[in-house]
Amino acid sequence: MMTQLFNPAVAIAVTLASAVAATAKADEPTLNTKLFIGAKTIDAVQWRAQDDHGSMGLLTDIKTGYHSVRVAIDLFASGSEDDTDSNVKGTYTGEAQLGLRKYCTLNERITPYLGGGVNFAYSMQENNDGSGKTEDEDGGVGYWMNVGVDLNLTENVNIGVDVRYATAEVELYDETVELDAATAGVTLGYRW
């Protein structure tokens, strides 16, 4: 499993480093960081009792100096628990999403954006069939894409809305789980 994640990770890191090196200009890079809180809906048959997750994240992007394109590094955690008679008692995900994000400034207050890249996902499922609690976990690689808009409150502080779709495939309890998920939420950000 580690080799499956390592090879794409190396390829992506080299590609992103090359893109940044090729597009960077002499101006100082700008860092943009946003806290995210929202909801995630996972379209997985095995998780239908827990397909709605609460989601928290940290969205970070670094200015490349090339036409408002930034390197995006987004981290997310989500989860859901079930108190019903279902054997599945809890489902949890963690994601590291790497890619590029393009900002389009409409005016000094409104800045829409879109992005996409590679999604490195970790997933855990807790089961209890009456004989005790068990856990299984796995990681997978997929893709992500997002759109959003920032409202600039000051030169450095912004609030916004972010909507994204991400995929990954994991193996839990000998079943393939498609982690195809739509996530939406609000952000509070700061630019350096």
C-alpha atoms as a PDB file:
ATOM      1  CA  MET A   1       0.000   0.000   0.000  1.00  0.00           C
ATOM      2  CA  MET A   2       2.788   2.444   0.856  1.00  0.00           C
ATOM      3  CA  THR A   3       4.408   1.926  -2.581  1.00  0.00           C
ATOM      4  CA  GLN A   4       1.066   2.675  -4.267  1.00  0.00           C
ATOM      5  CA  LEU A   5       0.912   6.042  -2.488  1.00  0.00           C
ATOM      6  CA  PHE A   6       4.636   6.822  -2.734  1.00  0.00           C
ATOM      7  CA  ASN A   7       5.048   6.668  -6.539  1.00  0.00           C
ATOM      8  CA  PRO A   8       2.220   9.136  -7.305  1.00  0.00           C
ATOM      9  CA  ALA A   9       3.382  11.363  -4.436  1.00  0.00           C
ATOM     10  CA  VAL A  10       6.904  11.629  -5.876  1.00  0.00           C
ATOM     11  CA  ALA A  11       5.564  12.326  -9.368  1.00  0.00           C
ATOM     12  CA  ILE A  12       3.243  15.037  -8.068  1.00  0.00           C
ATOM     13  CA  ALA A  13       5.934  16.656  -5.928  1.00  0.00           C
ATOM     14  CA  VAL A  14       8.340  16.826  -8.886  1.00  0.00           C
ATOM     15  CA  THR A  15       5.610  18.209 -11.169  1.00  0.00           C
ATOM     16  CA  LEU A  16       4.550  20.882  -8.672  1.00  0.00           C
ATOM     17  CA  ALA A  17       8.149  21.876  -7.931  1.00  0.00           C
ATOM     18  CA  SER A  18       8.855  22.179 -11.663  1.00  0.00           C
ATOM     19  CA  ALA A  19       5.711  24.234 -12.229  1.00  0.00           C
ATOM     20  CA  VAL A  20       6.555  26.611  -9.387  1.00  0.00           C
ATOM     21  CA  ALA A  21      10.180  26.976 -10.477  1.00  0.00           C
ATOM     22  CA  ALA A  22       9.189  27.623 -14.089  1.00  0.00           C
ATOM     23  CA  THR A  23       6.481  30.166 -13.292  1.00  0.00           C
ATOM     24  CA  ALA A  24       7.865  32.017 -10.283  1.00  0.00           C
ATOM     25  CA  LYS A  25       8.740  35.678 -10.824  1.00  0.00           C
ATOM     26  CA  ALA A  26      10.984  37.961  -8.825  1.00  0.00           C
ATOM     27  CA  ASP A  27       8.159  39.293  -6.651  1.00  0.00           C
ATOM     28  CA  GLU A  28       7.817  37.881  -3.159  1.00  0.00           C
ATOM     29  CA  PRO A  29       5.396  34.893  -2.907  1.00  0.00           C
ATOM     30  CA  THR A  30       2.200  35.446  -0.953  1.00  0.00           C
ATOM     31  CA  LEU A  31       0.744  32.883   1.433  1.00  0.00           C
ATOM     32  CA  ASN A  32      -3.036  32.594   1.781  1.00  0.00           C
ATOM     33  CA  THR A  33      -4.443  30.406   4.596  1.00  0.00           C
ATOM     34  CA  LYS A  34      -8.113  29.731   5.351  1.00  0.00           C
ATOM     35  CA  LEU A  35      -9.927  27.788   8.056  1.00  0.00           C
ATOM     36  CA  PHE A  36     -12.817  25.753   6.640  1.00  0.00           C
ATOM     37  CA  ILE A  37     -15.921  24.391   8.347  1.00  0.00           C
ATOM     38  CA  GLY A  38     -18.705  22.639   6.502  1.00  0.00           C
ATOM     39  CA  ALA A  39     -20.393  19.401   5.532  1.00  0.00           C
ATOM     40  CA  LYS A  40     -19.392  16.506   3.315  1.00  0.00           C
ATOM     41  CA  THR A  41     -21.641  13.986   1.570  1.00  0.00           C
ATOM     42  CA  ILE A  42     -19.982  10.717   0.561  1.00  0.00           C
ATOM     43  CA  ASP A  43     -21.660   8.682  -2.169  1.00  0.00           C
ATOM     44  CA  ALA A  44     -20.648   5.219  -0.909  1.00  0.00           C
ATOM     45  CA  VAL A  45     -23.189   2.400  -0.658  1.00  0.00           C
ATOM     46  CA  GLN A  46     -21.316   0.848   2.286  1.00  0.00           C
ATOM     47  CA  TRP A  47     -21.529   4.119   4.233  1.00  0.00           C
ATOM     48  CA  ARG A  48     -25.151   5.057   3.488  1.00  0.00           C
ATOM     49  CA  ALA A  49     -25.978   5.295   7.224  1.00  0.00           C
ATOM     50  CA  GLN A  50     -23.065   7.733   7.669  1.00  0.00           C
ATOM     51  CA  ASP A  51     -22.869   9.432   4.284  1.00  0.00           C
ATOM     52  CA  ASP A  52     -23.163  12.919   5.823  1.00  0.00           C
ATOM     53  CA  HIS A  53     -19.973  14.013   7.587  1.00  0.00           C
ATOM     54  CA  GLY A  54     -19.058  17.141   9.465  1.00  0.00           C
ATOM     55  CA  SER A  55     -15.903  18.540   7.860  1.00  0.00           C
ATOM     56  CA  MET A  56     -13.071  20.813   8.985  1.00  0.00           C
ATOM     57  CA  GLY A  57     -10.097  21.900   6.958  1.00  0.00           C
ATOM     58  CA  LEU A  58      -7.135  24.145   6.379  1.00  0.00           C
ATOM     59  CA  LEU A  59      -6.783  25.568   2.868  1.00  0.00           C
ATOM     60  CA  THR A  60      -3.393  27.022   1.981  1.00  0.00           C
ATOM     61  CA  ASP A  61      -2.091  28.334  -1.294  1.00  0.00           C
ATOM     62  CA  ILE A  62       1.187  29.918  -2.314  1.00  0.00           C
ATOM     63  CA  LYS A  63       1.447  32.547  -5.027  1.00  0.00           C
ATOM     64  CA  THR A  64       3.614  31.456  -7.964  1.00  0.00           C
ATOM     65  CA  GLY A  65       3.782  34.845  -9.674  1.00  0.00           C
ATOM     66  CA  TYR A  66       2.137  33.434 -12.795  1.00  0.00           C
ATOM     67  CA  HIS A  67      -1.270  34.931 -13.701  1.00  0.00           C
ATOM     68  CA  SER A  68      -2.851  34.469 -10.247  1.00  0.00           C
ATOM     69  CA  VAL A  69      -2.139  30.714 -10.267  1.00  0.00           C
ATOM     70  CA  ARG A  70      -1.206  29.333  -6.850  1.00  0.00           C
ATOM     71  CA  VAL A  71       0.059  26.024  -5.536  1.00  0.00           C
ATOM     72  CA  ALA A  72      -2.727  24.608  -3.329  1.00  0.00           C
ATOM     73  CA  ILE A  73      -2.178  22.466  -0.235  1.00  0.00           C
ATOM     74  CA  ASP A  74      -5.508  21.662   1.447  1.00  0.00           C
ATOM     75  CA  LEU A  75      -6.001  19.401   4.487  1.00  0.00           C
ATOM     76  CA  PHE A  76      -9.377  18.021   5.583  1.00  0.00           C
ATOM     77  CA  ALA A  77     -10.799  15.809   8.336  1.00  0.00           C
ATOM     78  CA  SER A  78     -14.374  14.534   8.462  1.00  0.00           C
ATOM     79  CA  GLY A  79     -16.408  11.963  10.309  1.00  0.00           C
ATOM     80  CA  SER A  80     -19.783  10.550  11.228  1.00  0.00           C
ATOM     81  CA  GLU A  81     -21.011   8.187  13.952  1.00  0.00           C
ATOM     82  CA  ASP A  82     -24.163   6.067  14.088  1.00  0.00           C
ATOM     83  CA  ASP A  83     -26.148   4.972  17.155  1.00  0.00           C
ATOM     84  CA  THR A  84     -28.689   2.878  15.206  1.00  0.00           C
ATOM     85  CA  ASP A  85     -28.741  -0.905  14.723  1.00  0.00           C
ATOM     86  CA  SER A  86     -26.312  -0.666  11.800  1.00  0.00           C
ATOM     87  CA  ASN A  87     -23.083  -2.706  12.069  1.00  0.00           C
ATOM     88  CA  VAL A  88     -21.150   0.338  10.831  1.00  0.00           C
ATOM     89  CA  LYS A  89     -20.753   2.597  13.869  1.00  0.00           C
ATOM     90  CA  GLY A  90     -18.374   5.245  12.564  1.00  0.00           C
ATOM     91  CA  THR A  91     -16.783   6.458   9.338  1.00  0.00           C
ATOM     92  CA  TYR A  92     -13.882   8.911   9.190  1.00  0.00           C
ATOM     93  CA  THR A  93     -11.705  10.420   6.475  1.00  0.00           C
ATOM     94  CA  GLY A  94      -8.586  12.546   6.286  1.00  0.00           C
ATOM     95  CA  GLU A  95      -7.379  14.103   3.058  1.00  0.00           C
ATOM     96  CA  ALA A  96      -4.325  15.951   1.780  1.00  0.00           C
ATOM     97  CA  GLN A  97      -5.206  17.649  -1.485  1.00  0.00           C
ATOM     98  CA  LEU A  98      -2.341  19.001  -3.599  1.00  0.00           C
ATOM     99  CA  GLY A  99      -2.740  20.941  -6.826  1.00  0.00           C
ATOM    100  CA  LEU A 100      -3.172  24.357  -8.394  1.00  0.00           C
ATOM    101  CA  ARG A 101      -5.724  27.108  -7.770  1.00  0.00           C
ATOM    102  CA  LYS A 102      -6.499  30.059 -10.078  1.00  0.00           C
ATOM    103  CA  TYR A 103      -7.841  33.318  -8.635  1.00  0.00           C
ATOM    104  CA  CYS A 104      -9.766  35.888 -10.720  1.00  0.00           C
ATOM    105  CA  THR A 105     -10.099  39.280  -9.041  1.00  0.00           C
ATOM    106  CA  LEU A 106     -13.432  40.870 -10.012  1.00  0.00           C
ATOM    107  CA  ASN A 107     -12.793  43.954  -7.896  1.00  0.00           C
ATOM    108  CA  GLU A 108     -10.880  44.735  -4.712  1.00  0.00           C
ATOM    109  CA  ARG A 109     -13.499  42.961  -2.562  1.00  0.00           C
ATOM    110  CA  ILE A 110     -14.629  39.882  -4.550  1.00  0.00           C
ATOM    111  CA  THR A 111     -12.228  37.146  -5.661  1.00  0.00           C
ATOM    112  CA  PRO A 112     -13.606  33.909  -7.181  1.00  0.00           C
ATOM    113  CA  TYR A 113     -11.323  30.909  -7.713  1.00  0.00           C
ATOM    114  CA  LEU A 114     -11.198  27.381  -9.069  1.00  0.00           C
ATOM    115  CA  GLY A 115      -8.714  24.599  -8.504  1.00  0.00           C
ATOM    116  CA  GLY A 116      -7.906  20.949  -8.793  1.00  0.00           C
ATOM    117  CA  GLY A 117      -5.278  18.316  -8.268  1.00  0.00           C
ATOM    118  CA  VAL A 118      -4.481  15.042  -6.552  1.00  0.00           C
ATOM    119  CA  ASN A 119      -6.330  13.799  -3.457  1.00  0.00           C
ATOM    120  CA  PHE A 120      -4.454  11.591  -0.973  1.00  0.00           C
ATOM    121  CA  ALA A 121      -7.170  10.077   1.220  1.00  0.00           C
ATOM    122  CA  TYR A 122      -7.093   8.084   4.458  1.00  0.00           C
ATOM    123  CA  SER A 123     -10.228   6.357   5.681  1.00  0.00           C
ATOM    124  CA  MET A 124     -11.264   4.444   8.795  1.00  0.00           C
ATOM    125  CA  GLN A 125     -14.429   2.486   9.531  1.00  0.00           C
ATOM    126  CA  GLU A 126     -15.597   1.230  12.947  1.00  0.00           C
ATOM    127  CA  ASN A 127     -17.917  -1.777  13.057  1.00  0.00           C
ATOM    128  CA  ASN A 128     -19.724  -3.529  15.889  1.00  0.00           C
ATOM    129  CA  ASP A 129     -21.631  -6.686  14.968  1.00  0.00           C
ATOM    130  CA  GLY A 130     -22.509  -7.466  18.594  1.00  0.00           C
ATOM    131  CA  SER A 131     -19.316  -9.396  19.325  1.00  0.00           C
ATOM    132  CA  GLY A 132     -17.209  -6.275  19.865  1.00  0.00           C
ATOM    133  CA  LYS A 133     -15.830  -3.211  18.171  1.00  0.00           C
ATOM    134  CA  THR A 134     -13.425  -3.586  15.232  1.00  0.00           C
ATOM    135  CA  GLU A 135     -11.665  -1.025  13.029  1.00  0.00           C
ATOM    136  CA  ASP A 136     -10.276  -1.127   9.514  1.00  0.00           C
ATOM    137  CA  GLU A 137      -8.373   1.589   7.664  1.00  0.00           C
ATOM    138  CA  ASP A 138      -6.855   2.199   4.247  1.00  0.00           C
ATOM    139  CA  GLY A 139      -5.510   4.941   2.030  1.00  0.00           C
ATOM    140  CA  GLY A 140      -6.128   5.774  -1.589  1.00  0.00           C
ATOM    141  CA  VAL A 141      -5.395   8.331  -4.278  1.00  0.00           C
ATOM    142  CA  GLY A 142      -7.909  10.204  -6.413  1.00  0.00           C
ATOM    143  CA  TYR A 143      -8.495  13.720  -7.662  1.00  0.00           C
ATOM    144  CA  TRP A 144     -10.174  16.881  -6.378  1.00  0.00           C
ATOM    145  CA  MET A 145     -11.610  20.058  -7.884  1.00  0.00           C
ATOM    146  CA  ASN A 146     -13.102  23.110  -6.243  1.00  0.00           C
ATOM    147  CA  VAL A 147     -14.715  26.480  -6.837  1.00  0.00           C
ATOM    148  CA  GLY A 148     -15.179  29.263  -4.367  1.00  0.00           C
ATOM    149  CA  VAL A 149     -15.316  32.965  -3.757  1.00  0.00           C
ATOM    150  CA  ASP A 150     -13.574  35.166  -1.197  1.00  0.00           C
ATOM    151  CA  LEU A 151     -14.989  38.431   0.118  1.00  0.00           C
ATOM    152  CA  ASN A 152     -12.056  40.605   1.176  1.00  0.00           C
ATOM    153  CA  LEU A 153     -12.946  42.359   4.438  1.00  0.00           C
ATOM    154  CA  THR A 154      -9.552  44.086   4.685  1.00  0.00           C
ATOM    155  CA  GLU A 155      -6.298  43.863   2.758  1.00  0.00           C
ATOM    156  CA  ASN A 156      -5.397  40.710   4.721  1.00  0.00           C
ATOM    157  CA  VAL A 157      -8.656  39.193   6.053  1.00  0.00           C
ATOM    158  CA  ASN A 158     -11.304  37.428   3.958  1.00  0.00           C
ATOM    159  CA  ILE A 159     -14.386  35.268   4.387  1.00  0.00           C
ATOM    160  CA  GLY A 160     -15.748  32.991   1.731  1.00  0.00           C
ATOM    161  CA  VAL A 161     -17.532  29.924   0.454  1.00  0.00           C
ATOM    162  CA  ASP A 162     -15.780  26.817  -0.899  1.00  0.00           C
ATOM    163  CA  VAL A 163     -17.418  23.906  -2.768  1.00  0.00           C
ATOM    164  CA  ARG A 164     -15.401  20.881  -3.866  1.00  0.00           C
ATOM    165  CA  TYR A 165     -15.626  17.350  -5.190  1.00  0.00           C
ATOM    166  CA  ALA A 166     -13.009  14.699  -4.391  1.00  0.00           C
ATOM    167  CA  THR A 167     -12.560  11.028  -5.213  1.00  0.00           C
ATOM    168  CA  ALA A 168     -10.531   8.121  -3.853  1.00  0.00           C
ATOM    169  CA  GLU A 169     -10.970   4.375  -3.546  1.00  0.00           C
ATOM    170  CA  VAL A 170     -10.162   2.400  -0.393  1.00  0.00           C
ATOM    171  CA  GLU A 171     -10.517  -1.209   0.745  1.00  0.00           C
ATOM    172  CA  LEU A 172     -12.334  -1.623   4.091  1.00  0.00           C
ATOM    173  CA  TYR A 173     -13.489  -4.949   5.524  1.00  0.00           C
ATOM    174  CA  ASP A 174     -12.758  -6.648   2.174  1.00  0.00           C
ATOM    175  CA  GLU A 175     -15.035  -4.246   0.295  1.00  0.00           C
ATOM    176  CA  THR A 176     -14.093  -1.493  -2.119  1.00  0.00           C
ATOM    177  CA  VAL A 177     -15.429   1.840  -0.864  1.00  0.00           C
ATOM    178  CA  GLU A 178     -15.661   4.687  -3.384  1.00  0.00           C
ATOM    179  CA  LEU A 179     -15.053   7.891  -1.449  1.00  0.00           C
ATOM    180  CA  ASP A 180     -16.666  10.163  -4.039  1.00  0.00           C
ATOM    181  CA  ALA A 181     -17.608  13.182  -1.960  1.00  0.00           C
ATOM    182  CA  ALA A 182     -19.059  16.660  -2.345  1.00  0.00           C
ATOM    183  CA  THR A 183     -18.022  19.147   0.339  1.00  0.00           C
ATOM    184  CA  ALA A 184     -19.308  22.668   0.956  1.00  0.00           C
ATOM    185  CA  GLY A 185     -18.510  25.150   3.667  1.00  0.00           C
ATOM    186  CA  VAL A 186     -17.479  28.602   4.766  1.00  0.00           C
ATOM    187  CA  THR A 187     -13.959  29.936   5.187  1.00  0.00           C
ATOM    188  CA  LEU A 188     -12.159  32.555   7.237  1.00  0.00           C
ATOM    189  CA  GLY A 189      -8.800  33.465   5.772  1.00  0.00           C
ATOM    190  CA  TYR A 190      -5.687  35.565   6.222  1.00  0.00           C
ATOM    191  CA  ARG A 191      -3.141  36.607   3.568  1.00  0.00           C
ATOM    192  CA  TRP A 192       0.511  37.321   4.252  1.00  0.00           C
END
